[in-house]
Amino acid sequence: MRYLNPPVRETSAAFFDVDETLINVKSMFSFLEFYLRKRGEPEATYGRLSAELRHSAGLGVPRKDINRHYYRFYAGHSAQQLARAGREWFTAEQEKGSLFIPETRTRLQHHLQQGEFVVLLSGSFFACLEPVTEHLGAHWAIGTRPVIRRGRLTGEVLTPMIGSAKGRAARATAAVRGFDLAQCSAYGDHSSDLDLLASVGRPVVVGDDPVLADHAARAGWQRIFPGRTPAPAMAPPEVTAVR
């Protein structure tokens, strides 16, 4: 967990998934490709490693296990060098001009202006999340935390920030900061974000995931369709049941 801004007296929180909710790229894949190129690895290396992950996904391997597999690629690598590469990766992505999804970025800025505590939740890690978090001005970023010994990643991680872990993180944040989850918001684009969305009173589905779309239709959750329609107004939706 990264604590980036000084303590303030917020009364509620807004939780955001990152990849394809706030940014247009899958940060772990995008960073891996950038990092390997920076190290002078052959182009085929990224193709081989990413194919391993996609093959596992195609076999139905749980996303949290794929997440663990990903971080084994960095075993023995310097945490400091990865953090530095992450900032370079972010700068390169920013220069392309389309890193952030405008609709959800606008929502995040609105939550900040309203004095809410903004938390990013992601299966990605510090190399990608730190520059994104600082650029947006979010308060916390809670991602998958690689195990680091003597300044180097071991290839193992603590709890992957995938699926139900995001919901637990939201509930823990609310408990620590004294927020009422029924007054909190959450944004997610994938079925794995369901537990996060169901944990708050103001869930917002981003995009067309069929599982989330079904829940949105049945529970009256707000939806945002990036690039297709203007984001709905920020008036609070009906408060849904909080688990």
Protein backbone atom coordinates (compact mmCIF):
# COMPACT_ATOMS: atom_id res chain seq x y z
CA MET A 1 0.00 0.00 0.00
CA ARG A 2 1.31 3.43 -0.90
CA TYR A 3 0.37 6.38 1.30
CA LEU A 4 1.08 9.40 -0.87
CA ASN A 5 -0.90 12.34 0.50
CA PRO A 6 -1.10 13.80 4.02
CA PRO A 7 -4.02 12.83 6.26
CA VAL A 8 -7.25 14.75 5.66
CA ARG A 9 -10.75 14.49 7.11
CA GLU A 10 -12.79 12.82 4.37
CA THR A 11 -16.21 11.37 5.07
CA SER A 12 -16.37 8.81 2.26
CA ALA A 13 -14.18 7.07 -0.29
CA ALA A 14 -14.10 6.32 -4.00
CA PHE A 15 -12.36 3.12 -5.08
CA PHE A 16 -11.07 2.69 -8.63
CA ASP A 17 -9.83 -0.35 -10.45
CA VAL A 18 -6.99 0.82 -12.71
CA ASP A 19 -6.46 -1.18 -15.92
CA GLU A 20 -9.20 -0.48 -18.48
CA THR A 21 -11.13 1.46 -15.84
CA LEU A 22 -8.83 4.46 -15.42
CA ILE A 23 -6.21 3.73 -18.07
CA ASN A 24 -6.51 2.28 -21.55
CA VAL A 25 -3.70 -0.27 -21.24
CA LYS A 26 -3.12 -3.43 -19.25
CA SER A 27 -0.33 -1.96 -17.19
CA MET A 28 1.40 -5.22 -16.27
CA PHE A 29 1.75 -6.32 -19.89
CA SER A 30 2.57 -2.84 -21.15
CA PHE A 31 5.24 -2.34 -18.49
CA LEU A 32 6.74 -5.80 -19.02
CA GLU A 33 7.17 -5.12 -22.73
CA PHE A 34 8.73 -1.71 -22.01
CA TYR A 35 11.02 -3.09 -19.30
CA LEU A 36 12.32 -5.96 -21.41
CA ARG A 37 13.04 -3.62 -24.29
CA LYS A 38 14.84 -1.23 -21.95
CA ARG A 39 17.04 -4.11 -20.77
CA GLY A 40 17.91 -5.00 -24.35
CA GLU A 41 16.04 -8.31 -24.39
CA PRO A 42 15.10 -9.76 -27.81
CA GLU A 43 11.56 -8.90 -28.90
CA ALA A 44 10.71 -12.60 -28.82
CA THR A 45 11.19 -12.62 -25.04
CA TYR A 46 8.09 -10.56 -24.40
CA GLY A 47 6.10 -12.68 -26.85
CA ARG A 48 7.13 -15.85 -25.04
CA LEU A 49 6.40 -14.56 -21.54
CA SER A 50 3.07 -12.98 -22.42
CA ALA A 51 2.07 -16.15 -24.29
CA GLU A 52 2.67 -18.14 -21.09
CA LEU A 53 0.22 -15.96 -19.21
CA ARG A 54 -2.40 -15.98 -21.95
CA HIS A 55 -2.10 -19.75 -22.31
CA SER A 56 -2.77 -20.13 -18.58
CA ALA A 57 -5.78 -17.84 -18.87
CA GLY A 58 -7.08 -19.90 -21.78
CA LEU A 59 -6.86 -23.03 -19.64
CA GLY A 60 -9.01 -21.40 -17.00
CA VAL A 61 -6.26 -20.83 -14.44
CA PRO A 62 -7.60 -18.39 -11.79
CA ARG A 63 -6.55 -14.78 -12.31
CA LYS A 64 -4.87 -14.62 -8.90
CA ASP A 65 -2.62 -17.55 -9.88
CA ILE A 66 -1.77 -15.91 -13.19
CA ASN A 67 -0.97 -12.76 -11.22
CA ARG A 68 1.49 -14.73 -9.07
CA HIS A 69 3.05 -16.26 -12.19
CA TYR A 70 3.62 -12.80 -13.67
CA TYR A 71 5.74 -11.61 -10.76
CA ARG A 72 8.06 -14.60 -11.02
CA PHE A 73 9.43 -12.93 -14.15
CA TYR A 74 11.03 -10.28 -11.90
CA ALA A 75 12.82 -12.63 -9.51
CA GLY A 76 16.24 -11.16 -8.67
CA HIS A 77 15.49 -7.77 -10.19
CA SER A 78 16.20 -4.55 -8.30
CA ALA A 79 13.14 -2.86 -6.82
CA GLN A 80 14.81 0.51 -7.27
CA GLN A 81 15.48 -0.12 -10.95
CA LEU A 82 11.92 -1.33 -11.48
CA ALA A 83 10.55 1.81 -9.85
CA ARG A 84 12.76 3.96 -12.07
CA ALA A 85 11.67 2.02 -15.15
CA GLY A 86 8.06 2.47 -14.08
CA ARG A 87 8.38 6.23 -14.20
CA GLU A 88 9.99 6.04 -17.62
CA TRP A 89 7.20 3.71 -18.77
CA PHE A 90 4.57 6.15 -17.51
CA THR A 91 6.23 9.08 -19.30
CA ALA A 92 6.35 7.08 -22.54
CA GLU A 93 2.68 6.13 -22.24
CA GLN A 94 1.70 9.71 -21.45
CA GLU A 95 3.48 10.91 -24.57
CA LYS A 96 1.22 8.72 -26.67
CA GLY A 97 -1.63 10.98 -25.54
CA SER A 98 -4.32 8.43 -24.72
CA LEU A 99 -3.30 6.73 -21.50
CA PHE A 100 -6.22 7.82 -19.35
CA ILE A 101 -9.89 7.12 -19.94
CA PRO A 102 -11.48 10.60 -19.87
CA GLU A 103 -14.82 9.61 -18.39
CA THR A 104 -13.45 7.89 -15.31
CA ARG A 105 -10.59 10.32 -14.87
CA THR A 106 -13.18 13.11 -14.71
CA ARG A 107 -15.09 11.14 -12.09
CA LEU A 108 -11.94 10.68 -10.01
CA GLN A 109 -11.19 14.39 -10.11
CA HIS A 110 -14.78 15.12 -9.05
CA HIS A 111 -14.46 12.81 -6.06
CA LEU A 112 -11.25 14.59 -5.04
CA GLN A 113 -12.90 18.00 -5.41
CA GLN A 114 -15.73 16.80 -3.18
CA GLY A 115 -13.18 15.98 -0.49
CA GLU A 116 -13.47 12.21 -0.81
CA PHE A 117 -10.66 9.75 -0.12
CA VAL A 118 -9.59 8.20 -3.43
CA VAL A 119 -8.04 4.73 -3.53
CA LEU A 120 -6.70 2.85 -6.55
CA LEU A 121 -6.95 -0.97 -6.40
CA SER A 122 -5.04 -3.10 -8.87
CA GLY A 123 -3.35 -6.42 -9.51
CA SER A 124 -0.48 -4.33 -10.84
CA PHE A 125 2.46 -3.23 -8.67
CA PHE A 126 4.46 -0.26 -7.50
CA ALA A 127 6.39 0.27 -10.75
CA CYS A 128 3.16 1.07 -12.57
CA LEU A 129 0.95 2.34 -9.77
CA GLU A 130 3.20 4.93 -8.15
CA PRO A 131 3.46 7.28 -11.16
CA VAL A 132 -0.24 6.86 -12.01
CA THR A 133 -1.27 7.58 -8.42
CA GLU A 134 0.94 10.62 -8.06
CA HIS A 135 -0.19 12.03 -11.41
CA LEU A 136 -3.87 11.70 -10.51
CA GLY A 137 -3.46 12.91 -6.95
CA ALA A 138 -5.12 9.84 -5.45
CA HIS A 139 -4.50 9.21 -1.76
CA TRP A 140 -3.68 5.50 -1.73
CA ALA A 141 -2.80 2.82 -4.24
CA ILE A 142 -3.19 -0.75 -3.06
CA GLY A 143 -1.72 -3.25 -5.51
CA THR A 144 -0.16 -6.67 -5.52
CA ARG A 145 2.86 -6.45 -3.24
CA PRO A 146 5.98 -8.30 -4.39
CA VAL A 147 8.22 -9.77 -1.71
CA ILE A 148 11.49 -7.81 -1.59
CA ARG A 149 14.65 -8.97 0.13
CA ARG A 150 17.89 -6.99 0.14
CA GLY A 151 16.41 -4.62 -2.41
CA ARG A 152 15.48 -7.31 -4.93
CA LEU A 153 12.22 -9.03 -5.79
CA THR A 154 12.10 -12.70 -4.87
CA GLY A 155 9.49 -13.57 -7.50
CA GLU A 156 6.87 -14.22 -4.82
CA VAL A 157 4.07 -11.91 -3.74
CA LEU A 158 1.85 -11.38 -0.76
CA THR A 159 -1.89 -11.42 -1.50
CA PRO A 160 -2.58 -10.74 -5.20
CA MET A 161 -4.91 -7.74 -5.42
CA ILE A 162 -7.33 -9.64 -7.63
CA GLY A 163 -11.03 -10.45 -7.29
CA SER A 164 -12.32 -10.68 -3.73
CA ALA A 165 -9.08 -9.13 -2.42
CA LYS A 166 -10.26 -5.77 -3.80
CA GLY A 167 -13.50 -6.03 -1.86
CA ARG A 168 -11.59 -6.89 1.31
CA ALA A 169 -9.27 -3.94 0.73
CA ALA A 170 -12.23 -1.58 0.36
CA ARG A 171 -13.85 -2.89 3.52
CA ALA A 172 -10.57 -2.65 5.45
CA THR A 173 -9.99 0.91 4.23
CA ALA A 174 -13.48 1.92 5.31
CA ALA A 175 -12.96 0.34 8.73
CA VAL A 176 -9.58 2.01 9.27
CA ARG A 177 -10.75 5.46 8.12
CA GLY A 178 -14.23 5.30 9.60
CA PHE A 179 -16.18 5.46 6.35
CA ASP A 180 -19.71 4.19 5.80
CA LEU A 181 -19.44 1.86 2.80
CA ALA A 182 -23.02 2.68 1.84
CA GLN A 183 -21.82 6.22 1.11
CA CYS A 184 -18.73 5.10 -0.84
CA SER A 185 -18.30 4.66 -4.60
CA ALA A 186 -16.41 2.08 -6.65
CA TYR A 187 -15.56 1.74 -10.33
CA GLY A 188 -14.65 -1.46 -12.17
CA ASP A 189 -14.69 -2.92 -15.68
CA HIS A 190 -14.28 -6.68 -15.24
CA SER A 191 -16.23 -9.46 -13.57
CA SER A 192 -13.31 -9.87 -11.15
CA ASP A 193 -14.26 -6.41 -9.79
CA LEU A 194 -17.69 -7.65 -8.71
CA ASP A 195 -16.80 -8.07 -5.04
CA LEU A 196 -15.43 -4.54 -4.96
CA LEU A 197 -18.52 -3.08 -6.59
CA ALA A 198 -20.87 -5.03 -4.35
CA SER A 199 -19.07 -3.81 -1.23
CA VAL A 200 -20.14 -0.17 -1.67
CA GLY A 201 -23.41 1.68 -1.91
CA ARG A 202 -22.55 3.53 -5.13
CA PRO A 203 -21.07 1.09 -7.66
CA VAL A 204 -20.32 2.14 -11.24
CA VAL A 205 -19.72 -0.37 -14.04
CA VAL A 206 -17.28 0.79 -16.72
CA GLY A 207 -17.66 -0.77 -20.17
CA ASP A 208 -19.45 -3.86 -21.42
CA ASP A 209 -18.45 -6.81 -19.26
CA PRO A 210 -21.50 -9.12 -19.47
CA VAL A 211 -21.33 -10.28 -15.84
CA LEU A 212 -21.20 -6.73 -14.52
CA ALA A 213 -23.82 -5.58 -17.01
CA ASP A 214 -26.20 -8.23 -15.68
CA HIS A 215 -25.65 -7.16 -12.09
CA ALA A 216 -26.04 -3.51 -13.09
CA ALA A 217 -29.36 -4.22 -14.79
CA ARG A 218 -30.72 -6.14 -11.80
CA ALA A 219 -29.43 -3.84 -9.07
CA GLY A 220 -29.73 -0.47 -10.79
CA TRP A 221 -26.02 0.27 -10.76
CA GLN A 222 -24.69 3.17 -12.79
CA ARG A 223 -22.81 2.46 -15.99
CA ILE A 224 -20.21 4.36 -18.03
CA PHE A 225 -19.38 3.53 -21.65
CA PRO A 226 -15.97 5.08 -22.43
CA GLY A 227 -15.76 6.73 -25.81
CA ARG A 228 -19.42 6.09 -26.64
CA THR A 229 -21.65 8.20 -24.44
CA PRO A 230 -21.12 10.97 -21.91
CA ALA A 231 -20.59 9.73 -18.37
CA PRO A 232 -23.76 9.87 -16.25
CA ALA A 233 -24.19 12.82 -13.95
CA MET A 234 -22.67 12.51 -10.50
CA ALA A 235 -26.01 12.53 -8.67
CA PRO A 236 -25.92 9.64 -6.19
CA PRO A 237 -27.70 6.51 -7.47
CA GLU A 238 -29.95 4.37 -5.35
CA VAL A 239 -27.97 2.87 -2.50
CA THR A 240 -27.58 -0.86 -3.08
CA ALA A 241 -27.16 -3.53 -0.48
CA VAL A 242 -23.72 -3.67 1.09
CA ARG A 243 -22.34 -7.08 1.93
